[in-house]
Amino acid sequence: AQRQRIELAAAALRAQPQCSITRVAHAHGFSSSQYFATVFRRYF
């Protein structure tokens, strides 16, 4: 489920460049942008 959410978030990062990384993180169920960045770096 986490991999699925991070892949959807990655697609949103590229599709919505005007949207902040924090907003993308929260929109995909991550409680903080720091945790999102940690998980994102692990996968990508």
Full PDB file with SEQRES, HELIX, SHEET, SSBOND, CRYST1, ORIGX, SCALE, CONECT and MASTER records, all heavy atoms in Angstrom:
SEQRES   1 A   44  ALA GLN ARG GLN ARG ILE GLU LEU ALA ALA ALA ALA LEU          
SEQRES   2 A   44  ARG ALA GLN PRO GLN CYS SER ILE THR ARG VAL ALA HIS          
SEQRES   3 A   44  ALA HIS GLY PHE SER SER SER GLN TYR PHE ALA THR VAL          
SEQRES   4 A   44  PHE ARG ARG TYR PHE                                          
HELIX    1 AA1 GLN A    2  ALA A   15  1                                  14    
HELIX    2 AA2 ILE A   21  ALA A   27  1                                   7    
HELIX    3 AA3 SER A   33  TYR A   43  1                                  11    
CRYST1    1.000    1.000    1.000  90.00  90.00  90.00 P 1           1          
ORIGX1      1.000000  0.000000  0.000000        0.00000                         
ORIGX2      0.000000  1.000000  0.000000        0.00000                         
ORIGX3      0.000000  0.000000  1.000000        0.00000                         
SCALE1      1.000000  0.000000  0.000000        0.00000                         
SCALE2      0.000000  1.000000  0.000000        0.00000                         
SCALE3      0.000000  0.000000  1.000000        0.00000                         
ATOM      1  N   ALA A   1       0.832  -1.205   0.000  1.00  0.00           N  
ATOM      2  CA  ALA A   1       0.000   0.000   0.000  1.00  0.00           C  
ATOM      3  C   ALA A   1       0.866   1.254   0.000  1.00  0.00           C  
ATOM      4  O   ALA A   1       0.563   2.228  -0.693  1.00  0.00           O  
ATOM      5  CB  ALA A   1      -0.932  -0.012   1.203  1.00  0.00           C  
ATOM      6  N   GLN A   2       1.954   1.223   0.757  1.00  0.00           N  
ATOM      7  CA  GLN A   2       2.847   2.375   0.790  1.00  0.00           C  
ATOM      8  C   GLN A   2       3.491   2.596  -0.576  1.00  0.00           C  
ATOM      9  O   GLN A   2       3.596   3.730  -1.041  1.00  0.00           O  
ATOM     10  CB  GLN A   2       3.917   2.202   1.864  1.00  0.00           C  
ATOM     11  CG  GLN A   2       4.786   3.430   2.033  1.00  0.00           C  
ATOM     12  CD  GLN A   2       5.715   3.286   3.206  1.00  0.00           C  
ATOM     13  OE1 GLN A   2       6.602   2.442   3.187  1.00  0.00           O  
ATOM     14  NE2 GLN A   2       5.516   4.114   4.210  1.00  0.00           N  
ATOM     15  N   ARG A   3       3.904   1.526  -1.220  1.00  0.00           N  
ATOM     16  CA  ARG A   3       4.492   1.643  -2.557  1.00  0.00           C  
ATOM     17  C   ARG A   3       3.474   2.225  -3.529  1.00  0.00           C  
ATOM     18  O   ARG A   3       3.791   3.086  -4.342  1.00  0.00           O  
ATOM     19  CB  ARG A   3       4.998   0.285  -3.057  1.00  0.00           C  
ATOM     20  CG  ARG A   3       5.684   0.397  -4.423  1.00  0.00           C  
ATOM     21  CD  ARG A   3       6.233  -0.918  -4.889  1.00  0.00           C  
ATOM     22  NE  ARG A   3       5.143  -1.798  -5.224  1.00  0.00           N  
ATOM     23  CZ  ARG A   3       5.178  -3.115  -5.137  1.00  0.00           C  
ATOM     24  NH1 ARG A   3       6.273  -3.712  -4.712  1.00  0.00           N  
ATOM     25  NH2 ARG A   3       4.161  -3.845  -5.485  1.00  0.00           N  
ATOM     26  N   GLN A   4       2.243   1.771  -3.422  1.00  0.00           N  
ATOM     27  CA  GLN A   4       1.185   2.275  -4.286  1.00  0.00           C  
ATOM     28  C   GLN A   4       0.983   3.780  -4.057  1.00  0.00           C  
ATOM     29  O   GLN A   4       0.904   4.556  -5.017  1.00  0.00           O  
ATOM     30  CB  GLN A   4      -0.113   1.516  -4.010  1.00  0.00           C  
ATOM     31  CG  GLN A   4      -1.270   1.965  -4.851  1.00  0.00           C  
ATOM     32  CD  GLN A   4      -2.549   1.204  -4.510  1.00  0.00           C  
ATOM     33  OE1 GLN A   4      -2.537   0.248  -3.742  1.00  0.00           O  
ATOM     34  NE2 GLN A   4      -3.639   1.631  -5.074  1.00  0.00           N  
ATOM     35  N   ARG A   5       0.925   4.195  -2.793  1.00  0.00           N  
ATOM     36  CA  ARG A   5       0.736   5.618  -2.487  1.00  0.00           C  
ATOM     37  C   ARG A   5       1.912   6.464  -2.963  1.00  0.00           C  
ATOM     38  O   ARG A   5       1.725   7.554  -3.500  1.00  0.00           O  
ATOM     39  CB  ARG A   5       0.544   5.820  -0.982  1.00  0.00           C  
ATOM     40  CG  ARG A   5      -0.795   5.367  -0.489  1.00  0.00           C  
ATOM     41  CD  ARG A   5      -1.055   5.722   0.964  1.00  0.00           C  
ATOM     42  NE  ARG A   5      -0.006   5.239   1.845  1.00  0.00           N  
ATOM     43  CZ  ARG A   5       0.533   5.943   2.835  1.00  0.00           C  
ATOM     44  NH1 ARG A   5       0.110   7.149   3.110  1.00  0.00           N  
ATOM     45  NH2 ARG A   5       1.484   5.425   3.585  1.00  0.00           N  
ATOM     46  N   ILE A   6       3.136   5.951  -2.811  1.00  0.00           N  
ATOM     47  CA  ILE A   6       4.306   6.738  -3.201  1.00  0.00           C  
ATOM     48  C   ILE A   6       4.390   6.846  -4.729  1.00  0.00           C  
ATOM     49  O   ILE A   6       4.808   7.877  -5.269  1.00  0.00           O  
ATOM     50  CB  ILE A   6       5.602   6.177  -2.567  1.00  0.00           C  
ATOM     51  CG1 ILE A   6       6.668   7.272  -2.423  1.00  0.00           C  
ATOM     52  CG2 ILE A   6       6.182   5.031  -3.361  1.00  0.00           C  
ATOM     53  CD1 ILE A   6       6.401   8.227  -1.322  1.00  0.00           C  
ATOM     54  N   GLU A   7       3.959   5.806  -5.440  1.00  0.00           N  
ATOM     55  CA  GLU A   7       3.943   5.875  -6.905  1.00  0.00           C  
ATOM     56  C   GLU A   7       2.894   6.869  -7.396  1.00  0.00           C  
ATOM     57  O   GLU A   7       3.140   7.610  -8.351  1.00  0.00           O  
ATOM     58  CB  GLU A   7       3.708   4.491  -7.504  1.00  0.00           C  
ATOM     59  CG  GLU A   7       4.922   3.596  -7.392  1.00  0.00           C  
ATOM     60  CD  GLU A   7       4.695   2.189  -7.914  1.00  0.00           C  
ATOM     61  OE1 GLU A   7       3.564   1.858  -8.336  1.00  0.00           O  
ATOM     62  OE2 GLU A   7       5.663   1.405  -7.908  1.00  0.00           O  
ATOM     63  N   LEU A   8       1.741   6.901  -6.746  1.00  0.00           N  
ATOM     64  CA  LEU A   8       0.717   7.884  -7.106  1.00  0.00           C  
ATOM     65  C   LEU A   8       1.206   9.300  -6.800  1.00  0.00           C  
ATOM     66  O   LEU A   8       0.974  10.231  -7.576  1.00  0.00           O  
ATOM     67  CB  LEU A   8      -0.589   7.591  -6.372  1.00  0.00           C  
ATOM     68  CG  LEU A   8      -1.332   6.321  -6.798  1.00  0.00           C  
ATOM     69  CD1 LEU A   8      -2.496   6.032  -5.848  1.00  0.00           C  
ATOM     70  CD2 LEU A   8      -1.818   6.446  -8.234  1.00  0.00           C  
ATOM     71  N   ALA A   9       1.894   9.463  -5.684  1.00  0.00           N  
ATOM     72  CA  ALA A   9       2.441  10.769  -5.321  1.00  0.00           C  
ATOM     73  C   ALA A   9       3.511  11.203  -6.323  1.00  0.00           C  
ATOM     74  O   ALA A   9       3.568  12.379  -6.706  1.00  0.00           O  
ATOM     75  CB  ALA A   9       3.021  10.727  -3.912  1.00  0.00           C  
ATOM     76  N   ALA A  10       4.342  10.279  -6.767  1.00  0.00           N  
ATOM     77  CA  ALA A  10       5.373  10.606  -7.750  1.00  0.00           C  
ATOM     78  C   ALA A  10       4.738  11.093  -9.053  1.00  0.00           C  
ATOM     79  O   ALA A  10       5.206  12.072  -9.655  1.00  0.00           O  
ATOM     80  CB  ALA A  10       6.257   9.386  -8.015  1.00  0.00           C  
ATOM     81  N   ALA A  11       3.679  10.436  -9.473  1.00  0.00           N  
ATOM     82  CA  ALA A  11       2.974  10.873 -10.690  1.00  0.00           C  
ATOM     83  C   ALA A  11       2.391  12.273 -10.482  1.00  0.00           C  
ATOM     84  O   ALA A  11       2.450  13.115 -11.389  1.00  0.00           O  
ATOM     85  CB  ALA A  11       1.875   9.875 -11.046  1.00  0.00           C  
ATOM     86  N   ALA A  12       1.864  12.535  -9.292  1.00  0.00           N  
ATOM     87  CA  ALA A  12       1.290  13.852  -8.999  1.00  0.00           C  
ATOM     88  C   ALA A  12       2.370  14.936  -8.972  1.00  0.00           C  
ATOM     89  O   ALA A  12       2.119  16.068  -9.396  1.00  0.00           O  
ATOM     90  CB  ALA A  12       0.543  13.813  -7.668  1.00  0.00           C  
ATOM     91  N   LEU A  13       3.556  14.610  -8.490  1.00  0.00           N  
ATOM     92  CA  LEU A  13       4.642  15.599  -8.460  1.00  0.00           C  
ATOM     93  C   LEU A  13       4.952  16.116  -9.856  1.00  0.00           C  
ATOM     94  O   LEU A  13       5.175  17.312 -10.050  1.00  0.00           O  
ATOM     95  CB  LEU A  13       5.907  14.984  -7.849  1.00  0.00           C  
ATOM     96  CG  LEU A  13       5.935  14.825  -6.342  1.00  0.00           C  
ATOM     97  CD1 LEU A  13       7.157  14.025  -5.916  1.00  0.00           C  
ATOM     98  CD2 LEU A  13       5.913  16.185  -5.651  1.00  0.00           C  
ATOM     99  N   ARG A  14       4.970  15.224 -10.814  1.00  0.00           N  
ATOM    100  CA  ARG A  14       5.278  15.633 -12.184  1.00  0.00           C  
ATOM    101  C   ARG A  14       4.065  16.240 -12.891  1.00  0.00           C  
ATOM    102  O   ARG A  14       4.211  17.165 -13.683  1.00  0.00           O  
ATOM    103  CB  ARG A  14       5.819  14.455 -12.971  1.00  0.00           C  
ATOM    104  CG  ARG A  14       7.212  14.061 -12.508  1.00  0.00           C  
ATOM    105  CD  ARG A  14       8.069  13.594 -13.628  1.00  0.00           C  
ATOM    106  NE  ARG A  14       9.434  13.404 -13.205  1.00  0.00           N  
ATOM    107  CZ  ARG A  14      10.162  12.345 -13.485  1.00  0.00           C  
ATOM    108  NH1 ARG A  14       9.645  11.352 -14.172  1.00  0.00           N  
ATOM    109  NH2 ARG A  14      11.409  12.270 -13.092  1.00  0.00           N  
ATOM    110  N   ALA A  15       2.886  15.721 -12.603  1.00  0.00           N  
ATOM    111  CA  ALA A  15       1.677  16.193 -13.289  1.00  0.00           C  
ATOM    112  C   ALA A  15       1.209  17.550 -12.753  1.00  0.00           C  
ATOM    113  O   ALA A  15       0.523  18.290 -13.466  1.00  0.00           O  
ATOM    114  CB  ALA A  15       0.553  15.168 -13.141  1.00  0.00           C  
ATOM    115  N   GLN A  16       1.564  17.859 -11.508  1.00  0.00           N  
ATOM    116  CA  GLN A  16       1.109  19.097 -10.868  1.00  0.00           C  
ATOM    117  C   GLN A  16       2.305  19.883 -10.322  1.00  0.00           C  
ATOM    118  O   GLN A  16       2.478  20.004  -9.102  1.00  0.00           O  
ATOM    119  CB  GLN A  16       0.135  18.775  -9.739  1.00  0.00           C  
ATOM    120  CG  GLN A  16      -1.063  17.982 -10.177  1.00  0.00           C  
ATOM    121  CD  GLN A  16      -1.843  17.423  -8.991  1.00  0.00           C  
ATOM    122  OE1 GLN A  16      -1.431  17.509  -7.854  1.00  0.00           O  
ATOM    123  NE2 GLN A  16      -2.990  16.838  -9.286  1.00  0.00           N  
ATOM    124  N   PRO A  17       3.114  20.458 -11.195  1.00  0.00           N  
ATOM    125  CA  PRO A  17       4.316  21.155 -10.717  1.00  0.00           C  
ATOM    126  C   PRO A  17       4.015  22.380  -9.859  1.00  0.00           C  
ATOM    127  O   PRO A  17       4.856  22.797  -9.060  1.00  0.00           O  
ATOM    128  CB  PRO A  17       5.045  21.543 -12.005  1.00  0.00           C  
ATOM    129  CG  PRO A  17       4.019  21.482 -13.072  1.00  0.00           C  
ATOM    130  CD  PRO A  17       2.999  20.475 -12.646  1.00  0.00           C  
ATOM    131  N   GLN A  18       2.826  22.948  -9.979  1.00  0.00           N  
ATOM    132  CA  GLN A  18       2.467  24.115  -9.180  1.00  0.00           C  
ATOM    133  C   GLN A  18       2.102  23.737  -7.744  1.00  0.00           C  
ATOM    134  O   GLN A  18       2.084  24.584  -6.864  1.00  0.00           O  
ATOM    135  CB  GLN A  18       1.296  24.872  -9.825  1.00  0.00           C  
ATOM    136  CG  GLN A  18      -0.061  24.217  -9.685  1.00  0.00           C  
ATOM    137  CD  GLN A  18      -0.302  22.976 -10.553  1.00  0.00           C  
ATOM    138  OE1 GLN A  18       0.549  22.567 -11.340  1.00  0.00           O  
ATOM    139  NE2 GLN A  18      -1.462  22.354 -10.382  1.00  0.00           N  
ATOM    140  N   CYS A  19       1.840  22.492  -7.490  1.00  0.00           N  
ATOM    141  CA  CYS A  19       1.429  22.008  -6.166  1.00  0.00           C  
ATOM    142  C   CYS A  19       2.677  21.759  -5.309  1.00  0.00           C  
ATOM    143  O   CYS A  19       3.649  21.154  -5.770  1.00  0.00           O  
ATOM    144  CB  CYS A  19       0.633  20.717  -6.339  1.00  0.00           C  
ATOM    145  SG  CYS A  19      -0.303  20.250  -4.898  1.00  0.00           S  
ATOM    146  N   SER A  20       2.656  22.223  -4.079  1.00  0.00           N  
ATOM    147  CA  SER A  20       3.823  22.047  -3.209  1.00  0.00           C  
ATOM    148  C   SER A  20       4.019  20.569  -2.867  1.00  0.00           C  
ATOM    149  O   SER A  20       3.074  19.779  -2.885  1.00  0.00           O  
ATOM    150  CB  SER A  20       3.655  22.852  -1.913  1.00  0.00           C  
ATOM    151  OG  SER A  20       2.704  22.241  -1.075  1.00  0.00           O  
ATOM    152  N   ILE A  21       5.248  20.241  -2.534  1.00  0.00           N  
ATOM    153  CA  ILE A  21       5.569  18.866  -2.160  1.00  0.00           C  
ATOM    154  C   ILE A  21       4.809  18.478  -0.893  1.00  0.00           C  
ATOM    155  O   ILE A  21       4.306  17.357  -0.776  1.00  0.00           O  
ATOM    156  CB  ILE A  21       7.094  18.683  -1.995  1.00  0.00           C  
ATOM    157  CG1 ILE A  21       7.761  18.799  -3.379  1.00  0.00           C  
ATOM    158  CG2 ILE A  21       7.425  17.354  -1.327  1.00  0.00           C  
ATOM    159  CD1 ILE A  21       9.264  18.836  -3.353  1.00  0.00           C  
ATOM    160  N   THR A  22       4.675  19.414   0.031  1.00  0.00           N  
ATOM    161  CA  THR A  22       3.920  19.143   1.264  1.00  0.00           C  
ATOM    162  C   THR A  22       2.469  18.819   0.946  1.00  0.00           C  
ATOM    163  O   THR A  22       1.899  17.887   1.506  1.00  0.00           O  
ATOM    164  CB  THR A  22       4.005  20.350   2.221  1.00  0.00           C  
ATOM    165  OG1 THR A  22       5.381  20.563   2.545  1.00  0.00           O  
ATOM    166  CG2 THR A  22       3.204  20.113   3.487  1.00  0.00           C  
ATOM    167  N   ARG A  23       1.885  19.577   0.042  1.00  0.00           N  
ATOM    168  CA  ARG A  23       0.484  19.333  -0.325  1.00  0.00           C  
ATOM    169  C   ARG A  23       0.337  17.958  -0.997  1.00  0.00           C  
ATOM    170  O   ARG A  23      -0.614  17.227  -0.706  1.00  0.00           O  
ATOM    171  CB  ARG A  23      -0.021  20.427  -1.260  1.00  0.00           C  
ATOM    172  CG  ARG A  23      -1.445  20.166  -1.709  1.00  0.00           C  
ATOM    173  CD  ARG A  23      -2.017  21.308  -2.483  1.00  0.00           C  
ATOM    174  NE  ARG A  23      -2.837  22.049  -1.544  1.00  0.00           N  
ATOM    175  CZ  ARG A  23      -3.045  23.341  -1.585  1.00  0.00           C  
ATOM    176  NH1 ARG A  23      -2.486  24.068  -2.515  1.00  0.00           N  
ATOM    177  NH2 ARG A  23      -3.819  23.916  -0.705  1.00  0.00           N  
ATOM    178  N   VAL A  24       1.271  17.595  -1.854  1.00  0.00           N  
ATOM    179  CA  VAL A  24       1.233  16.269  -2.492  1.00  0.00           C  
ATOM    180  C   VAL A  24       1.367  15.186  -1.428  1.00  0.00           C  
ATOM    181  O   VAL A  24       0.644  14.185  -1.445  1.00  0.00           O  
ATOM    182  CB  VAL A  24       2.336  16.130  -3.578  1.00  0.00           C  
ATOM    183  CG1 VAL A  24       2.459  14.694  -4.065  1.00  0.00           C  
ATOM    184  CG2 VAL A  24       2.060  17.074  -4.743  1.00  0.00           C  
ATOM    185  N   ALA A  25       2.279  15.386  -0.487  1.00  0.00           N  
ATOM    186  CA  ALA A  25       2.481  14.409   0.587  1.00  0.00           C  
ATOM    187  C   ALA A  25       1.196  14.201   1.381  1.00  0.00           C  
ATOM    188  O   ALA A  25       0.765  13.066   1.604  1.00  0.00           O  
ATOM    189  CB  ALA A  25       3.612  14.860   1.508  1.00  0.00           C  
ATOM    190  N   HIS A  26       0.580  15.281   1.791  1.00  0.00           N  
ATOM    191  CA  HIS A  26      -0.656  15.183   2.573  1.00  0.00           C  
ATOM    192  C   HIS A  26      -1.788  14.589   1.756  1.00  0.00           C  
ATOM    193  O   HIS A  26      -2.582  13.795   2.282  1.00  0.00           O  
ATOM    194  CB  HIS A  26      -1.051  16.548   3.122  1.00  0.00           C  
ATOM    195  CG  HIS A  26      -0.129  17.046   4.186  1.00  0.00           C  
ATOM    196  ND1 HIS A  26      -0.030  18.363   4.529  1.00  0.00           N  
ATOM    197  CD2 HIS A  26       0.756  16.404   4.988  1.00  0.00           C  
ATOM    198  CE1 HIS A  26       0.858  18.521   5.487  1.00  0.00           C  
ATOM    199  NE2 HIS A  26       1.358  17.337   5.782  1.00  0.00           N  
ATOM    200  N   ALA A  27      -1.865  14.930   0.477  1.00  0.00           N  
ATOM    201  CA  ALA A  27      -2.923  14.401  -0.389  1.00  0.00           C  
ATOM    202  C   ALA A  27      -2.812  12.893  -0.576  1.00  0.00           C  
ATOM    203  O   ALA A  27      -3.798  12.232  -0.903  1.00  0.00           O  
ATOM    204  CB  ALA A  27      -2.880  15.094  -1.750  1.00  0.00           C  
ATOM    205  N   HIS A  28      -1.627  12.352  -0.356  1.00  0.00           N  
ATOM    206  CA  HIS A  28      -1.417  10.915  -0.540  1.00  0.00           C  
ATOM    207  C   HIS A  28      -1.209  10.172   0.782  1.00  0.00           C  
ATOM    208  O   HIS A  28      -0.641   9.087   0.823  1.00  0.00           O  
ATOM    209  CB  HIS A  28      -0.276  10.673  -1.525  1.00  0.00           C  
ATOM    210  CG  HIS A  28      -0.657  11.067  -2.912  1.00  0.00           C  
ATOM    211  ND1 HIS A  28      -0.516  12.351  -3.378  1.00  0.00           N  
ATOM    212  CD2 HIS A  28      -1.251  10.367  -3.906  1.00  0.00           C  
ATOM    213  CE1 HIS A  28      -0.971  12.420  -4.606  1.00  0.00           C  
ATOM    214  NE2 HIS A  28      -1.430  11.240  -4.951  1.00  0.00           N  
ATOM    215  N   GLY A  29      -1.693  10.784   1.858  1.00  0.00           N  
ATOM    216  CA  GLY A  29      -1.753  10.086   3.134  1.00  0.00           C  
ATOM    217  C   GLY A  29      -0.515  10.130   3.998  1.00  0.00           C  
ATOM    218  O   GLY A  29      -0.415   9.374   4.970  1.00  0.00           O  
ATOM    219  N   PHE A  30       0.432  10.995   3.686  1.00  0.00           N  
ATOM    220  CA  PHE A  30       1.633  11.106   4.515  1.00  0.00           C  
ATOM    221  C   PHE A  30       1.437  12.247   5.498  1.00  0.00           C  
ATOM    222  O   PHE A  30       0.988  13.330   5.131  1.00  0.00           O  
ATOM    223  CB  PHE A  30       2.871  11.329   3.643  1.00  0.00           C  
ATOM    224  CG  PHE A  30       3.215  10.120   2.821  1.00  0.00           C  
ATOM    225  CD1 PHE A  30       2.681   9.950   1.561  1.00  0.00           C  
ATOM    226  CD2 PHE A  30       4.048   9.137   3.322  1.00  0.00           C  
ATOM    227  CE1 PHE A  30       2.969   8.829   0.809  1.00  0.00           C  
ATOM    228  CE2 PHE A  30       4.345   8.005   2.580  1.00  0.00           C  
ATOM    229  CZ  PHE A  30       3.804   7.852   1.319  1.00  0.00           C  
ATOM    230  N   SER A  31       1.769  12.013   6.750  1.00  0.00           N  
ATOM    231  CA  SER A  31       1.490  12.987   7.810  1.00  0.00           C  
ATOM    232  C   SER A  31       2.436  14.181   7.783  1.00  0.00           C  
ATOM    233  O   SER A  31       2.097  15.245   8.282  1.00  0.00           O  
ATOM    234  CB  SER A  31       1.536  12.310   9.171  1.00  0.00           C  
ATOM    235  OG  SER A  31       2.805  11.718   9.373  1.00  0.00           O  
ATOM    236  N   SER A  32       3.626  14.007   7.218  1.00  0.00           N  
ATOM    237  CA  SER A  32       4.568  15.126   7.141  1.00  0.00           C  
ATOM    238  C   SER A  32       5.378  15.027   5.854  1.00  0.00           C  
ATOM    239  O   SER A  32       5.584  13.944   5.305  1.00  0.00           O  
ATOM    240  CB  SER A  32       5.520  15.127   8.341  1.00  0.00           C  
ATOM    241  OG  SER A  32       6.465  14.085   8.222  1.00  0.00           O  
ATOM    242  N   SER A  33       5.847  16.179   5.417  1.00  0.00           N  
ATOM    243  CA  SER A  33       6.659  16.192   4.197  1.00  0.00           C  
ATOM    244  C   SER A  33       8.022  15.538   4.451  1.00  0.00           C  
ATOM    245  O   SER A  33       8.617  14.977   3.532  1.00  0.00           O  
ATOM    246  CB  SER A  33       6.826  17.615   3.670  1.00  0.00           C  
ATOM    247  OG  SER A  33       7.416  18.436   4.651  1.00  0.00           O  
ATOM    248  N   GLN A  34       8.496  15.584   5.698  1.00  0.00           N  
ATOM    249  CA  GLN A  34       9.785  14.954   6.013  1.00  0.00           C  
ATOM    250  C   GLN A  34       9.697  13.434   5.880  1.00  0.00           C  
ATOM    251  O   GLN A  34      10.586  12.800   5.294  1.00  0.00           O  
ATOM    252  CB  GLN A  34      10.245  15.330   7.433  1.00  0.00           C  
ATOM    253  CG  GLN A  34      10.604  16.786   7.608  1.00  0.00           C  
ATOM    254  CD  GLN A  34       9.383  17.682   7.817  1.00  0.00           C  
ATOM    255  OE1 GLN A  34       8.267  17.215   8.020  1.00  0.00           O  
ATOM    256  NE2 GLN A  34       9.596  18.982   7.750  1.00  0.00           N  
ATOM    257  N   TYR A  35       8.620  12.866   6.422  1.00  0.00           N  
ATOM    258  CA  TYR A  35       8.448  11.414   6.315  1.00  0.00           C  
ATOM    259  C   TYR A  35       8.233  11.026   4.859  1.00  0.00           C  
ATOM    260  O   TYR A  35       8.789  10.038   4.373  1.00  0.00           O  
ATOM    261  CB  TYR A  35       7.282  10.946   7.179  1.00  0.00           C  
ATOM    262  CG  TYR A  35       7.029   9.457   7.079  1.00  0.00           C  
ATOM    263  CD1 TYR A  35       8.002   8.546   7.479  1.00  0.00           C  
ATOM    264  CD2 TYR A  35       5.839   8.958   6.562  1.00  0.00           C  
ATOM    265  CE1 TYR A  35       7.794   7.184   7.381  1.00  0.00           C  
ATOM    266  CE2 TYR A  35       5.620   7.594   6.459  1.00  0.00           C  
ATOM    267  CZ  TYR A  35       6.600   6.717   6.869  1.00  0.00           C  
ATOM    268  OH  TYR A  35       6.382   5.369   6.755  1.00  0.00           O  
ATOM    269  N   PHE A  36       7.444  11.822   4.144  1.00  0.00           N  
ATOM    270  CA  PHE A  36       7.219  11.584   2.718  1.00  0.00           C  
ATOM    271  C   PHE A  36       8.554  11.559   1.965  1.00  0.00           C  
ATOM    272  O   PHE A  36       8.809  10.666   1.163  1.00  0.00           O  
ATOM    273  CB  PHE A  36       6.297  12.665   2.148  1.00  0.00           C  
ATOM    274  CG  PHE A  36       6.157  12.626   0.660  1.00  0.00           C  
ATOM    275  CD1 PHE A  36       5.468  11.598   0.034  1.00  0.00           C  
ATOM    276  CD2 PHE A  36       6.694  13.629  -0.132  1.00  0.00           C  
ATOM    277  CE1 PHE A  36       5.316  11.562  -1.350  1.00  0.00           C  
ATOM    278  CE2 PHE A  36       6.554  13.604  -1.513  1.00  0.00           C  
ATOM    279  CZ  PHE A  36       5.864  12.572  -2.115  1.00  0.00           C  
ATOM    280  N   ALA A  37       9.413  12.545   2.243  1.00  0.00           N  
ATOM    281  CA  ALA A  37      10.710  12.612   1.562  1.00  0.00           C  
ATOM    282  C   ALA A  37      11.572  11.392   1.883  1.00  0.00           C  
ATOM    283  O   ALA A  37      12.251  10.849   1.000  1.00  0.00           O  
ATOM    284  CB  ALA A  37      11.444  13.898   1.945  1.00  0.00           C  
ATOM    285  N   THR A  38      11.529  10.932   3.123  1.00  0.00           N  
ATOM    286  CA  THR A  38      12.294   9.743   3.524  1.00  0.00           C  
ATOM    287  C   THR A  38      11.818   8.514   2.766  1.00  0.00           C  
ATOM    288  O   THR A  38      12.624   7.750   2.213  1.00  0.00           O  
ATOM    289  CB  THR A  38      12.157   9.510   5.044  1.00  0.00           C  
ATOM    290  OG1 THR A  38      12.684  10.642   5.728  1.00  0.00           O  
ATOM    291  CG2 THR A  38      12.891   8.258   5.473  1.00  0.00           C  
ATOM    292  N   VAL A  39      10.508   8.314   2.738  1.00  0.00           N  
ATOM    293  CA  VAL A  39       9.944   7.154   2.034  1.00  0.00           C  
ATOM    294  C   VAL A  39      10.192   7.282   0.533  1.00  0.00           C  
ATOM    295  O   VAL A  39      10.564   6.310  -0.128  1.00  0.00           O  
ATOM    296  CB  VAL A  39       8.433   7.018   2.338  1.00  0.00           C  
ATOM    297  CG1 VAL A  39       7.806   5.919   1.498  1.00  0.00           C  
ATOM    298  CG2 VAL A  39       8.218   6.742   3.822  1.00  0.00           C  
ATOM    299  N   PHE A  40      10.010   8.478   0.010  1.00  0.00           N  
ATOM    300  CA  PHE A  40      10.206   8.716  -1.429  1.00  0.00           C  
ATOM    301  C   PHE A  40      11.633   8.367  -1.840  1.00  0.00           C  
ATOM    302  O   PHE A  40      11.850   7.674  -2.838  1.00  0.00           O  
ATOM    303  CB  PHE A  40       9.899  10.181  -1.753  1.00  0.00           C  
ATOM    304  CG  PHE A  40       9.729  10.446  -3.215  1.00  0.00           C  
ATOM    305  CD1 PHE A  40       8.475  10.420  -3.783  1.00  0.00           C  
ATOM    306  CD2 PHE A  40      10.825  10.701  -4.032  1.00  0.00           C  
ATOM    307  CE1 PHE A  40       8.306  10.647  -5.140  1.00  0.00           C  
ATOM    308  CE2 PHE A  40      10.676  10.924  -5.378  1.00  0.00           C  
ATOM    309  CZ  PHE A  40       9.409  10.899  -5.942  1.00  0.00           C  
ATOM    310  N   ARG A  41      12.592   8.832  -1.049  1.00  0.00           N  
ATOM    311  CA  ARG A  41      14.002   8.547  -1.361  1.00  0.00           C  
ATOM    312  C   ARG A  41      14.290   7.035  -1.306  1.00  0.00           C  
ATOM    313  O   ARG A  41      15.059   6.517  -2.107  1.00  0.00           O  
ATOM    314  CB  ARG A  41      14.910   9.298  -0.381  1.00  0.00           C  
ATOM    315  CG  ARG A  41      16.379   9.226  -0.755  1.00  0.00           C  
ATOM    316  CD  ARG A  41      17.247  10.021   0.207  1.00  0.00           C  
ATOM    317  NE  ARG A  41      16.892  11.417   0.332  1.00  0.00           N  
ATOM    318  CZ  ARG A  41      17.318  12.380  -0.494  1.00  0.00           C  
ATOM    319  NH1 ARG A  41      18.101  12.079  -1.489  1.00  0.00           N  
ATOM    320  NH2 ARG A  41      16.952  13.628  -0.295  1.00  0.00           N  
ATOM    321  N   ARG A  42      13.631   6.329  -0.373  1.00  0.00           N  
ATOM    322  CA  ARG A  42      13.816   4.880  -0.268  1.00  0.00           C  
ATOM    323  C   ARG A  42      13.372   4.175  -1.549  1.00  0.00           C  
ATOM    324  O   ARG A  42      14.021   3.240  -2.015  1.00  0.00           O  
ATOM    325  CB  ARG A  42      13.037   4.344   0.924  1.00  0.00           C  
ATOM    326  CG  ARG A  42      13.303   2.875   1.201  1.00  0.00           C  
ATOM    327  CD  ARG A  42      12.533   2.324   2.392  1.00  0.00           C  
ATOM    328  NE  ARG A  42      12.425   3.249   3.504  1.00  0.00           N  
ATOM    329  CZ  ARG A  42      11.303   3.451   4.196  1.00  0.00           C  
ATOM    330  NH1 ARG A  42      10.203   2.802   3.911  1.00  0.00           N  
ATOM    331  NH2 ARG A  42      11.276   4.308   5.196  1.00  0.00           N  
ATOM    332  N   TYR A  43      12.281   4.621  -2.133  1.00  0.00           N  
ATOM    333  CA  TYR A  43      11.745   3.964  -3.328  1.00  0.00           C  
ATOM    334  C   TYR A  43      12.373   4.455  -4.629  1.00  0.00           C  
ATOM    335  O   TYR A  43      12.554   3.682  -5.560  1.00  0.00           O  
ATOM    336  CB  TYR A  43      10.222   4.150  -3.407  1.00  0.00           C  
ATOM    337  CG  TYR A  43       9.470   3.248  -2.469  1.00  0.00           C  
ATOM    338  CD1 TYR A  43       9.084   3.690  -1.212  1.00  0.00           C  
ATOM    339  CD2 TYR A  43       9.159   1.942  -2.820  1.00  0.00           C  
ATOM    340  CE1 TYR A  43       8.397   2.866  -0.344  1.00  0.00           C  
ATOM    341  CE2 TYR A  43       8.484   1.109  -1.956  1.00  0.00           C  
ATOM    342  CZ  TYR A  43       8.108   1.580  -0.725  1.00  0.00           C  
ATOM    343  OH  TYR A  43       7.437   0.754   0.136  1.00  0.00           O  
ATOM    344  N   PHE A  44      12.689   5.749  -4.715  1.00  0.00           N  
ATOM    345  CA  PHE A  44      13.153   6.322  -5.977  1.00  0.00           C  
ATOM    346  C   PHE A  44      14.623   6.711  -5.995  1.00  0.00           C  
ATOM    347  O   PHE A  44      15.171   7.008  -7.047  1.00  0.00           O  
ATOM    348  CB  PHE A  44      12.293   7.538  -6.356  1.00  0.00           C  
ATOM    349  CG  PHE A  44      10.895   7.169  -6.762  1.00  0.00           C  
ATOM    350  CD1 PHE A  44       9.861   7.216  -5.850  1.00  0.00           C  
ATOM    351  CD2 PHE A  44      10.625   6.744  -8.051  1.00  0.00           C  
ATOM    352  CE1 PHE A  44       8.570   6.865  -6.213  1.00  0.00           C  
ATOM    353  CE2 PHE A  44       9.335   6.398  -8.430  1.00  0.00           C  
ATOM    354  CZ  PHE A  44       8.307   6.455  -7.504  1.00  0.00           C  
TER     355      PHE A  44                                                      
MASTER        0    0    0    3    0    0    0    6  354    1    0    4          
END                                                                             
